[in-house]
Amino acid sequence: MSSAYDQALSLEQKGELASAAVLYTDAGFSKLNDADFEFGTKYRVGFTTLLRAISADARAGNQTRATAIRDVVVTLIERAVDADSRADRILQGLYYEWIGDAYLLTRSERTADYYRMALETYENHSQSEFLSWDMEQEFDYAHWAVQSYLSENGIDIAEELPSLDFPSRIEAKLEYAESDES
């Protein structure tokens, strides 16, 4: 990761969330630039770093900036869903999860819709379309943004999220999102 990312992580650990959010934003967009905005690993790391920026901003009370970054991230991830959906349903499901995460972090009513799309993608796959959902573990770092957000808000599922398989993780987030809406 970049030095901006390392600095952001250090600031987040010290509780300096607003400053961490700025550096996560810099690091996330830097990764997107490094990838020339072409879909691939660096591009996905850029997404998940921007999710950390949204999480830090939301926890710092910077809803305006969190929402603005969310809107950019959602647009970029939706582009990736369209591009990767024909080739890789695993990534499509993960992208829907990440869009749901971005909406969850900003307490949007759209959160549950994207978590449902992620589950539907998982449930409607066929083994001939891709090798295995096991590869989604490669993206465990994507959980940190939501895990930090939920943990700071005293939500019980936060610590167990990384250990859950894809459908269980999505169902747990969906349950939280639906209970948060009421």
N, C-alpha and C. Protein backbone atom coordinates (compact mmCIF):
# COMPACT_ATOMS: atom_id res chain seq x y z
N MET A 1 0.84 -1.18 0.00
CA MET A 1 0.00 0.00 0.00
C MET A 1 0.89 1.25 0.00
N SER A 2 0.28 2.37 -0.24
CA SER A 2 1.03 3.61 -0.30
C SER A 2 1.31 4.16 1.09
N SER A 3 2.22 5.12 1.14
CA SER A 3 2.51 5.74 2.43
C SER A 3 1.29 6.51 2.93
N ALA A 4 0.48 7.06 2.04
CA ALA A 4 -0.75 7.73 2.46
C ALA A 4 -1.65 6.74 3.19
N TYR A 5 -1.70 5.51 2.69
CA TYR A 5 -2.51 4.48 3.33
C TYR A 5 -1.96 4.17 4.72
N ASP A 6 -0.66 3.98 4.83
CA ASP A 6 -0.04 3.69 6.12
C ASP A 6 -0.27 4.81 7.12
N GLN A 7 -0.14 6.05 6.65
CA GLN A 7 -0.39 7.20 7.53
C GLN A 7 -1.86 7.23 7.96
N ALA A 8 -2.76 6.94 7.03
CA ALA A 8 -4.19 6.92 7.35
C ALA A 8 -4.49 5.86 8.39
N LEU A 9 -3.91 4.69 8.21
CA LEU A 9 -4.12 3.60 9.17
C LEU A 9 -3.64 4.00 10.56
N SER A 10 -2.49 4.64 10.63
CA SER A 10 -1.95 5.08 11.91
C SER A 10 -2.87 6.13 12.55
N LEU A 11 -3.33 7.07 11.76
CA LEU A 11 -4.24 8.11 12.28
C LEU A 11 -5.56 7.50 12.74
N GLU A 12 -6.07 6.53 11.98
CA GLU A 12 -7.32 5.87 12.37
C GLU A 12 -7.15 5.17 13.71
N GLN A 13 -6.02 4.49 13.88
CA GLN A 13 -5.77 3.79 15.14
C GLN A 13 -5.66 4.76 16.31
N LYS A 14 -5.25 5.99 16.05
CA LYS A 14 -5.16 7.02 17.10
C LYS A 14 -6.50 7.73 17.31
N GLY A 15 -7.50 7.39 16.49
CA GLY A 15 -8.81 8.03 16.62
C GLY A 15 -8.96 9.33 15.86
N GLU A 16 -7.98 9.66 15.03
CA GLU A 16 -8.02 10.89 14.23
C GLU A 16 -8.69 10.57 12.89
N LEU A 17 -10.00 10.35 12.96
CA LEU A 17 -10.74 9.80 11.83
C LEU A 17 -10.86 10.75 10.64
N ALA A 18 -11.08 12.03 10.89
CA ALA A 18 -11.22 12.98 9.78
C ALA A 18 -9.93 13.06 8.96
N SER A 19 -8.80 13.14 9.65
CA SER A 19 -7.51 13.18 8.96
C SER A 19 -7.23 11.85 8.25
N ALA A 20 -7.59 10.75 8.89
CA ALA A 20 -7.41 9.43 8.26
C ALA A 20 -8.25 9.33 6.99
N ALA A 21 -9.47 9.84 7.03
CA ALA A 21 -10.35 9.77 5.87
C ALA A 21 -9.75 10.48 4.66
N VAL A 22 -9.14 11.64 4.90
CA VAL A 22 -8.51 12.39 3.81
C VAL A 22 -7.39 11.56 3.18
N LEU A 23 -6.56 10.95 4.02
CA LEU A 23 -5.44 10.16 3.50
C LEU A 23 -5.92 8.87 2.84
N TYR A 24 -6.96 8.24 3.38
CA TYR A 24 -7.52 7.06 2.70
C TYR A 24 -8.05 7.45 1.32
N THR A 25 -8.68 8.61 1.25
CA THR A 25 -9.19 9.08 -0.05
C THR A 25 -8.04 9.26 -1.03
N ASP A 26 -6.97 9.91 -0.58
CA ASP A 26 -5.78 10.09 -1.44
C ASP A 26 -5.23 8.73 -1.89
N ALA A 27 -5.09 7.81 -0.93
CA ALA A 27 -4.53 6.49 -1.26
C ALA A 27 -5.44 5.72 -2.21
N GLY A 28 -6.75 5.80 -1.99
CA GLY A 28 -7.70 5.08 -2.84
C GLY A 28 -7.67 5.58 -4.28
N PHE A 29 -7.72 6.90 -4.44
CA PHE A 29 -7.68 7.45 -5.80
C PHE A 29 -6.31 7.24 -6.44
N SER A 30 -5.26 7.21 -5.64
CA SER A 30 -3.93 6.91 -6.15
C SER A 30 -3.89 5.50 -6.74
N LYS A 31 -4.52 4.54 -6.05
CA LYS A 31 -4.56 3.16 -6.57
C LYS A 31 -5.35 3.10 -7.88
N LEU A 32 -6.46 3.84 -7.95
CA LEU A 32 -7.24 3.87 -9.19
C LEU A 32 -6.39 4.46 -10.33
N ASN A 33 -5.64 5.51 -10.03
CA ASN A 33 -4.74 6.10 -11.03
C ASN A 33 -3.65 5.13 -11.42
N ASP A 34 -3.05 4.46 -10.43
CA ASP A 34 -2.00 3.47 -10.72
C ASP A 34 -2.52 2.39 -11.67
N ALA A 35 -3.79 2.08 -11.55
CA ALA A 35 -4.40 1.06 -12.40
C ALA A 35 -4.87 1.62 -13.74
N ASP A 36 -4.62 2.90 -13.96
CA ASP A 36 -5.11 3.58 -15.17
C ASP A 36 -6.63 3.40 -15.32
N PHE A 37 -7.30 3.29 -14.20
CA PHE A 37 -8.75 3.08 -14.16
C PHE A 37 -9.18 1.86 -14.99
N GLU A 38 -8.25 0.91 -15.11
CA GLU A 38 -8.54 -0.37 -15.76
C GLU A 38 -8.88 -1.38 -14.67
N PHE A 39 -9.84 -2.22 -14.93
CA PHE A 39 -10.31 -3.18 -13.94
C PHE A 39 -9.24 -4.22 -13.66
N GLY A 40 -8.96 -4.44 -12.40
CA GLY A 40 -7.96 -5.41 -11.97
C GLY A 40 -7.74 -5.26 -10.48
N THR A 41 -6.71 -5.91 -9.98
CA THR A 41 -6.46 -5.93 -8.54
C THR A 41 -6.23 -4.54 -7.97
N LYS A 42 -5.38 -3.72 -8.59
CA LYS A 42 -5.13 -2.38 -8.06
C LYS A 42 -6.42 -1.55 -8.01
N TYR A 43 -7.23 -1.72 -9.03
CA TYR A 43 -8.50 -0.99 -9.10
C TYR A 43 -9.39 -1.40 -7.92
N ARG A 44 -9.45 -2.70 -7.65
CA ARG A 44 -10.27 -3.19 -6.53
C ARG A 44 -9.70 -2.74 -5.18
N VAL A 45 -8.39 -2.71 -5.05
CA VAL A 45 -7.77 -2.20 -3.83
C VAL A 45 -8.13 -0.72 -3.66
N GLY A 46 -8.17 0.02 -4.75
CA GLY A 46 -8.60 1.42 -4.71
C GLY A 46 -10.02 1.54 -4.16
N PHE A 47 -10.92 0.68 -4.63
CA PHE A 47 -12.31 0.68 -4.12
C PHE A 47 -12.34 0.49 -2.61
N THR A 48 -11.65 -0.56 -2.17
CA THR A 48 -11.76 -0.91 -0.76
C THR A 48 -11.07 0.13 0.13
N THR A 49 -10.05 0.79 -0.40
CA THR A 49 -9.42 1.88 0.35
C THR A 49 -10.39 3.06 0.45
N LEU A 50 -11.12 3.32 -0.61
CA LEU A 50 -12.12 4.39 -0.56
C LEU A 50 -13.27 4.03 0.39
N LEU A 51 -13.58 2.74 0.52
CA LEU A 51 -14.57 2.34 1.52
C LEU A 51 -14.07 2.69 2.92
N ARG A 52 -12.77 2.54 3.14
CA ARG A 52 -12.20 2.93 4.44
C ARG A 52 -12.32 4.44 4.65
N ALA A 53 -12.15 5.21 3.57
CA ALA A 53 -12.32 6.66 3.67
C ALA A 53 -13.75 7.00 4.07
N ILE A 54 -14.70 6.35 3.43
CA ILE A 54 -16.11 6.59 3.74
C ILE A 54 -16.40 6.22 5.19
N SER A 55 -15.88 5.08 5.63
CA SER A 55 -16.08 4.63 7.00
C SER A 55 -15.51 5.63 8.00
N ALA A 56 -14.28 6.08 7.75
CA ALA A 56 -13.64 7.03 8.68
C ALA A 56 -14.41 8.35 8.70
N ASP A 57 -14.82 8.84 7.52
CA ASP A 57 -15.60 10.07 7.48
C ASP A 57 -16.94 9.93 8.21
N ALA A 58 -17.60 8.82 7.98
CA ALA A 58 -18.91 8.60 8.63
C ALA A 58 -18.74 8.56 10.15
N ARG A 59 -17.71 7.87 10.62
CA ARG A 59 -17.48 7.78 12.06
C ARG A 59 -17.04 9.11 12.66
N ALA A 60 -16.42 9.98 11.82
CA ALA A 60 -16.00 11.31 12.27
C ALA A 60 -17.15 12.32 12.19
N GLY A 61 -18.28 11.89 11.63
CA GLY A 61 -19.42 12.80 11.50
C GLY A 61 -19.39 13.65 10.24
N ASN A 62 -18.52 13.31 9.30
CA ASN A 62 -18.42 14.06 8.04
C ASN A 62 -19.32 13.42 6.98
N GLN A 63 -20.62 13.48 7.20
CA GLN A 63 -21.57 12.82 6.29
C GLN A 63 -21.53 13.36 4.88
N THR A 64 -21.33 14.67 4.73
CA THR A 64 -21.33 15.26 3.39
C THR A 64 -20.20 14.68 2.56
N ARG A 65 -19.00 14.65 3.13
CA ARG A 65 -17.85 14.10 2.39
C ARG A 65 -18.01 12.59 2.20
N ALA A 66 -18.48 11.88 3.22
CA ALA A 66 -18.68 10.43 3.10
C ALA A 66 -19.65 10.11 1.97
N THR A 67 -20.73 10.87 1.89
CA THR A 67 -21.73 10.64 0.85
C THR A 67 -21.19 10.98 -0.53
N ALA A 68 -20.42 12.07 -0.63
CA ALA A 68 -19.84 12.45 -1.93
C ALA A 68 -18.87 11.37 -2.43
N ILE A 69 -18.02 10.89 -1.55
CA ILE A 69 -17.08 9.83 -1.94
C ILE A 69 -17.85 8.56 -2.28
N ARG A 70 -18.87 8.24 -1.49
CA ARG A 70 -19.71 7.07 -1.78
C ARG A 70 -20.28 7.15 -3.19
N ASP A 71 -20.80 8.31 -3.58
CA ASP A 71 -21.41 8.44 -4.90
C ASP A 71 -20.40 8.20 -6.02
N VAL A 72 -19.18 8.68 -5.84
CA VAL A 72 -18.13 8.43 -6.84
C VAL A 72 -17.78 6.94 -6.86
N VAL A 73 -17.59 6.36 -5.68
CA VAL A 73 -17.22 4.95 -5.59
C VAL A 73 -18.30 4.06 -6.21
N VAL A 74 -19.56 4.34 -5.90
CA VAL A 74 -20.65 3.53 -6.45
C VAL A 74 -20.64 3.60 -7.98
N THR A 75 -20.45 4.78 -8.52
CA THR A 75 -20.39 4.92 -9.98
C THR A 75 -19.26 4.09 -10.58
N LEU A 76 -18.08 4.15 -9.95
CA LEU A 76 -16.94 3.39 -10.46
C LEU A 76 -17.14 1.89 -10.31
N ILE A 77 -17.72 1.46 -9.19
CA ILE A 77 -17.94 0.03 -9.00
C ILE A 77 -19.01 -0.47 -9.97
N GLU A 78 -20.04 0.33 -10.20
CA GLU A 78 -21.07 -0.09 -11.16
C GLU A 78 -20.47 -0.27 -12.55
N ARG A 79 -19.51 0.57 -12.93
CA ARG A 79 -18.79 0.37 -14.21
C ARG A 79 -18.09 -0.98 -14.21
N ALA A 80 -17.48 -1.32 -13.08
CA ALA A 80 -16.76 -2.60 -12.98
C ALA A 80 -17.74 -3.77 -13.01
N VAL A 81 -18.91 -3.62 -12.39
CA VAL A 81 -19.93 -4.69 -12.44
C VAL A 81 -20.29 -4.96 -13.89
N ASP A 82 -20.54 -3.90 -14.64
CA ASP A 82 -20.91 -4.07 -16.05
C ASP A 82 -19.79 -4.72 -16.84
N ALA A 83 -18.56 -4.33 -16.58
CA ALA A 83 -17.43 -4.86 -17.34
C ALA A 83 -17.09 -6.30 -16.95
N ASP A 84 -17.15 -6.61 -15.66
CA ASP A 84 -16.71 -7.92 -15.19
C ASP A 84 -17.83 -8.96 -15.12
N SER A 85 -19.07 -8.52 -15.24
CA SER A 85 -20.18 -9.46 -14.99
C SER A 85 -20.20 -10.62 -15.98
N ARG A 86 -19.79 -10.38 -17.20
CA ARG A 86 -19.80 -11.47 -18.18
C ARG A 86 -18.70 -12.48 -17.86
N ALA A 87 -17.60 -11.99 -17.32
CA ALA A 87 -16.44 -12.85 -17.15
C ALA A 87 -16.35 -13.47 -15.76
N ASP A 88 -16.84 -12.78 -14.75
CA ASP A 88 -16.57 -13.24 -13.40
C ASP A 88 -17.71 -12.91 -12.45
N ARG A 89 -18.56 -13.85 -12.20
CA ARG A 89 -19.71 -13.65 -11.33
C ARG A 89 -19.29 -13.48 -9.86
N ILE A 90 -18.15 -14.02 -9.49
CA ILE A 90 -17.66 -13.82 -8.13
C ILE A 90 -17.42 -12.34 -7.90
N LEU A 91 -16.70 -11.71 -8.82
CA LEU A 91 -16.44 -10.28 -8.69
C LEU A 91 -17.73 -9.49 -8.72
N GLN A 92 -18.66 -9.89 -9.55
CA GLN A 92 -19.94 -9.19 -9.61
C GLN A 92 -20.62 -9.23 -8.24
N GLY A 93 -20.64 -10.37 -7.60
CA GLY A 93 -21.24 -10.50 -6.27
C GLY A 93 -20.51 -9.65 -5.25
N LEU A 94 -19.17 -9.66 -5.31
CA LEU A 94 -18.38 -8.83 -4.39
C LEU A 94 -18.63 -7.34 -4.64
N TYR A 95 -18.72 -6.96 -5.90
CA TYR A 95 -18.97 -5.55 -6.20
C TYR A 95 -20.31 -5.11 -5.63
N TYR A 96 -21.32 -5.96 -5.77
CA TYR A 96 -22.63 -5.61 -5.17
C TYR A 96 -22.51 -5.49 -3.66
N GLU A 97 -21.72 -6.38 -3.05
CA GLU A 97 -21.50 -6.28 -1.61
C GLU A 97 -20.85 -4.94 -1.28
N TRP A 98 -19.82 -4.56 -2.03
CA TRP A 98 -19.11 -3.31 -1.74
C TRP A 98 -19.99 -2.09 -1.94
N ILE A 99 -20.87 -2.13 -2.95
CA ILE A 99 -21.82 -1.02 -3.12
C ILE A 99 -22.75 -0.98 -1.90
N GLY A 100 -23.23 -2.15 -1.49
CA GLY A 100 -24.05 -2.21 -0.28
C GLY A 100 -23.30 -1.66 0.92
N ASP A 101 -22.01 -2.00 1.03
CA ASP A 101 -21.19 -1.49 2.14
C ASP A 101 -21.12 0.04 2.09
N ALA A 102 -20.89 0.59 0.91
CA ALA A 102 -20.81 2.06 0.77
C ALA A 102 -22.11 2.70 1.23
N TYR A 103 -23.22 2.09 0.85
CA TYR A 103 -24.52 2.62 1.28
C TYR A 103 -24.74 2.40 2.77
N LEU A 104 -24.32 1.27 3.31
CA LEU A 104 -24.45 1.01 4.74
C LEU A 104 -23.70 2.07 5.55
N LEU A 105 -22.48 2.37 5.12
CA LEU A 105 -21.64 3.34 5.83
C LEU A 105 -22.25 4.74 5.86
N THR A 106 -23.12 5.02 4.91
CA THR A 106 -23.76 6.34 4.86
C THR A 106 -25.26 6.25 5.19
N ARG A 107 -25.65 5.10 5.73
CA ARG A 107 -27.01 4.87 6.22
C ARG A 107 -28.07 5.16 5.16
N SER A 108 -27.86 4.63 3.98
CA SER A 108 -28.77 4.84 2.86
C SER A 108 -29.86 3.77 2.83
N GLU A 109 -30.99 4.14 2.32
CA GLU A 109 -32.09 3.18 2.13
C GLU A 109 -31.79 2.16 1.04
N ARG A 110 -30.79 2.41 0.22
CA ARG A 110 -30.45 1.51 -0.89
C ARG A 110 -29.59 0.33 -0.47
N THR A 111 -29.11 0.32 0.77
CA THR A 111 -28.20 -0.70 1.26
C THR A 111 -28.72 -2.11 1.01
N ALA A 112 -29.93 -2.38 1.49
CA ALA A 112 -30.49 -3.73 1.41
C ALA A 112 -30.63 -4.21 -0.04
N ASP A 113 -30.95 -3.30 -0.94
CA ASP A 113 -31.11 -3.68 -2.36
C ASP A 113 -29.83 -4.31 -2.91
N TYR A 114 -28.69 -3.71 -2.60
CA TYR A 114 -27.43 -4.22 -3.12
C TYR A 114 -26.99 -5.50 -2.43
N TYR A 115 -27.28 -5.62 -1.15
CA TYR A 115 -26.97 -6.89 -0.47
C TYR A 115 -27.84 -8.01 -1.05
N ARG A 116 -29.08 -7.70 -1.38
CA ARG A 116 -29.94 -8.73 -2.01
C ARG A 116 -29.39 -9.12 -3.38
N MET A 117 -28.90 -8.13 -4.15
CA MET A 117 -28.31 -8.43 -5.46
C MET A 117 -27.07 -9.31 -5.31
N ALA A 118 -26.28 -9.05 -4.27
CA ALA A 118 -25.08 -9.87 -4.02
C ALA A 118 -25.50 -11.31 -3.74
N LEU A 119 -26.51 -11.49 -2.88
CA LEU A 119 -27.00 -12.84 -2.58
C LEU A 119 -27.57 -13.52 -3.81
N GLU A 120 -28.32 -12.78 -4.59
CA GLU A 120 -28.92 -13.33 -5.81
C GLU A 120 -27.83 -13.78 -6.79
N THR A 121 -26.78 -12.99 -6.91
CA THR A 121 -25.67 -13.37 -7.79
C THR A 121 -25.05 -14.67 -7.32
N TYR A 122 -24.87 -14.79 -6.02
CA TYR A 122 -24.30 -16.02 -5.45
C TYR A 122 -25.23 -17.21 -5.69
N GLU A 123 -26.51 -17.02 -5.42
CA GLU A 123 -27.46 -18.12 -5.50
C GLU A 123 -27.74 -18.56 -6.93
N ASN A 124 -27.56 -17.67 -7.90
CA ASN A 124 -27.90 -17.99 -9.29
C ASN A 124 -26.71 -18.39 -10.14
N HIS A 125 -25.57 -18.62 -9.53
CA HIS A 125 -24.42 -19.03 -10.32
C HIS A 125 -24.52 -20.51 -10.66
N SER A 126 -23.78 -20.87 -11.68
CA SER A 126 -23.62 -22.29 -11.97
C SER A 126 -22.14 -22.60 -11.95
N GLN A 127 -21.77 -23.78 -11.57
CA GLN A 127 -20.36 -24.14 -11.46
C GLN A 127 -19.62 -23.99 -12.79
N SER A 128 -20.33 -24.08 -13.90
CA SER A 128 -19.66 -23.93 -15.18
C SER A 128 -19.26 -22.48 -15.47
N GLU A 129 -19.86 -21.52 -14.72
CA GLU A 129 -19.54 -20.12 -14.97
C GLU A 129 -18.21 -19.69 -14.36
N PHE A 130 -17.82 -20.29 -13.26
CA PHE A 130 -16.57 -19.94 -12.62
C PHE A 130 -16.11 -21.08 -11.74
N LEU A 131 -14.87 -20.99 -11.31
CA LEU A 131 -14.28 -22.10 -10.56
C LEU A 131 -14.88 -22.27 -9.18
N SER A 132 -14.84 -21.22 -8.37
CA SER A 132 -15.26 -21.39 -6.99
C SER A 132 -15.41 -20.04 -6.31
N TRP A 133 -16.29 -19.98 -5.34
CA TRP A 133 -16.44 -18.76 -4.54
C TRP A 133 -15.34 -18.65 -3.51
N ASP A 134 -14.48 -19.66 -3.41
CA ASP A 134 -13.39 -19.61 -2.43
C ASP A 134 -12.45 -18.43 -2.68
N MET A 135 -12.34 -18.00 -3.92
CA MET A 135 -11.41 -16.91 -4.23
C MET A 135 -11.81 -15.61 -3.55
N GLU A 136 -13.07 -15.49 -3.14
CA GLU A 136 -13.48 -14.23 -2.53
C GLU A 136 -12.71 -13.96 -1.25
N GLN A 137 -12.06 -14.94 -0.67
CA GLN A 137 -11.23 -14.71 0.51
C GLN A 137 -10.05 -13.80 0.19
N GLU A 138 -9.67 -13.72 -1.07
CA GLU A 138 -8.59 -12.82 -1.48
C GLU A 138 -8.93 -11.38 -1.09
N PHE A 139 -10.20 -11.09 -0.91
CA PHE A 139 -10.63 -9.73 -0.65
C PHE A 139 -11.04 -9.50 0.79
N ASP A 140 -10.47 -10.28 1.71
CA ASP A 140 -10.80 -10.11 3.13
C ASP A 140 -10.55 -8.69 3.61
N TYR A 141 -9.54 -8.01 3.05
CA TYR A 141 -9.25 -6.64 3.46
C TYR A 141 -10.43 -5.70 3.19
N ALA A 142 -11.34 -6.10 2.35
CA ALA A 142 -12.49 -5.25 2.04
C ALA A 142 -13.45 -5.14 3.22
N HIS A 143 -13.34 -6.03 4.20
CA HIS A 143 -14.25 -6.02 5.34
C HIS A 143 -13.90 -4.97 6.38
N TRP A 144 -12.68 -4.49 6.36
CA TRP A 144 -12.21 -3.61 7.44
C TRP A 144 -13.06 -2.36 7.59
N ALA A 145 -13.49 -1.76 6.49
CA ALA A 145 -14.25 -0.51 6.57
C ALA A 145 -15.56 -0.71 7.32
N VAL A 146 -16.31 -1.73 6.94
CA VAL A 146 -17.59 -1.99 7.59
C VAL A 146 -17.38 -2.50 9.00
N GLN A 147 -16.38 -3.34 9.17
CA GLN A 147 -16.10 -3.89 10.49
C GLN A 147 -15.80 -2.76 11.49
N SER A 148 -14.98 -1.81 11.10
CA SER A 148 -14.65 -0.68 11.97
C SER A 148 -15.88 0.15 12.29
N TYR A 149 -16.68 0.40 11.26
CA TYR A 149 -17.90 1.20 11.42
C TYR A 149 -18.87 0.53 12.39
N LEU A 150 -19.14 -0.74 12.16
CA LEU A 150 -20.09 -1.47 13.01
C LEU A 150 -19.57 -1.60 14.43
N SER A 151 -18.28 -1.87 14.56
CA SER A 151 -17.68 -2.04 15.87
C SER A 151 -17.81 -0.76 16.70
N GLU A 152 -17.50 0.38 16.07
CA GLU A 152 -17.61 1.66 16.79
C GLU A 152 -19.05 2.00 17.15
N ASN A 153 -19.99 1.44 16.42
CA ASN A 153 -21.40 1.68 16.70
C ASN A 153 -22.00 0.59 17.59
N GLY A 154 -21.13 -0.28 18.13
CA GLY A 154 -21.56 -1.29 19.09
C GLY A 154 -22.42 -2.40 18.50
N ILE A 155 -22.22 -2.71 17.24
CA ILE A 155 -23.01 -3.75 16.57
C ILE A 155 -22.30 -5.09 16.74
N ASP A 156 -23.03 -6.06 17.24
CA ASP A 156 -22.47 -7.37 17.61
C ASP A 156 -21.81 -8.13 16.46
N ILE A 157 -22.31 -7.99 15.25
CA ILE A 157 -21.80 -8.82 14.14
C ILE A 157 -20.42 -8.39 13.65
N ALA A 158 -19.93 -7.24 14.09
CA ALA A 158 -18.70 -6.66 13.54
C ALA A 158 -17.52 -7.63 13.57
N GLU A 159 -17.28 -8.24 14.70
CA GLU A 159 -16.09 -9.07 14.85
C GLU A 159 -16.18 -10.38 14.07
N GLU A 160 -17.37 -10.88 13.84
CA GLU A 160 -17.50 -12.16 13.15
C GLU A 160 -17.52 -12.05 11.63
N LEU A 161 -17.70 -10.85 11.08
CA LEU A 161 -17.83 -10.70 9.63
C LEU A 161 -16.72 -11.37 8.82
N PRO A 162 -15.44 -11.14 9.14
CA PRO A 162 -14.40 -11.74 8.30
C PRO A 162 -14.39 -13.27 8.29
N SER A 163 -14.92 -13.89 9.32
CA SER A 163 -14.88 -15.35 9.38
C SER A 163 -16.09 -16.00 8.71
N LEU A 164 -17.07 -15.21 8.32
CA LEU A 164 -18.27 -15.76 7.70
C LEU A 164 -18.05 -16.02 6.21
N ASP A 165 -18.70 -17.05 5.68
CA ASP A 165 -18.65 -17.26 4.24
C ASP A 165 -19.52 -16.20 3.56
N PHE A 166 -19.41 -16.10 2.25
CA PHE A 166 -20.08 -15.03 1.51
C PHE A 166 -21.57 -14.92 1.83
N PRO A 167 -22.37 -15.97 1.66
CA PRO A 167 -23.81 -15.79 1.90
C PRO A 167 -24.13 -15.45 3.36
N SER A 168 -23.42 -16.02 4.30
CA SER A 168 -23.67 -15.72 5.72
C SER A 168 -23.31 -14.27 6.03
N ARG A 169 -22.21 -13.80 5.46
CA ARG A 169 -21.78 -12.42 5.68
C ARG A 169 -22.81 -11.44 5.11
N ILE A 170 -23.27 -11.72 3.90
CA ILE A 170 -24.26 -10.83 3.28
C ILE A 170 -25.56 -10.86 4.07
N GLU A 171 -25.99 -12.05 4.48
CA GLU A 171 -27.23 -12.14 5.26
C GLU A 171 -27.11 -11.38 6.58
N ALA A 172 -25.96 -11.43 7.23
CA ALA A 172 -25.76 -10.69 8.49
C ALA A 172 -25.83 -9.19 8.24
N LYS A 173 -25.19 -8.73 7.18
CA LYS A 173 -25.23 -7.30 6.85
C LYS A 173 -26.64 -6.88 6.45
N LEU A 174 -27.31 -7.72 5.69
CA LEU A 174 -28.67 -7.44 5.27
C LEU A 174 -29.60 -7.33 6.48
N GLU A 175 -29.45 -8.24 7.40
CA GLU A 175 -30.27 -8.20 8.63
C GLU A 175 -30.02 -6.89 9.39
N TYR A 176 -28.76 -6.50 9.50
CA TYR A 176 -28.44 -5.24 10.17
C TYR A 176 -29.05 -4.06 9.41
N ALA A 177 -28.88 -4.04 8.09
CA ALA A 177 -29.38 -2.93 7.29
C ALA A 177 -30.90 -2.80 7.41
N GLU A 178 -31.58 -3.92 7.38
CA GLU A 178 -33.04 -3.89 7.48
C GLU A 178 -33.49 -3.46 8.88
N SER A 179 -32.75 -3.84 9.91
CA SER A 179 -33.13 -3.42 11.27
C SER A 179 -32.80 -1.95 11.49
N ASP A 180 -31.76 -1.45 10.81
CA ASP A 180 -31.37 -0.05 10.93
C ASP A 180 -32.37 0.87 10.24
N GLU A 181 -33.05 0.35 9.20
CA GLU A 181 -34.04 1.15 8.47
C GLU A 181 -35.30 1.38 9.31
N SER A 182 -35.59 0.46 10.23
CA SER A 182 -36.84 0.59 10.98
C SER A 182 -36.72 1.49 12.18
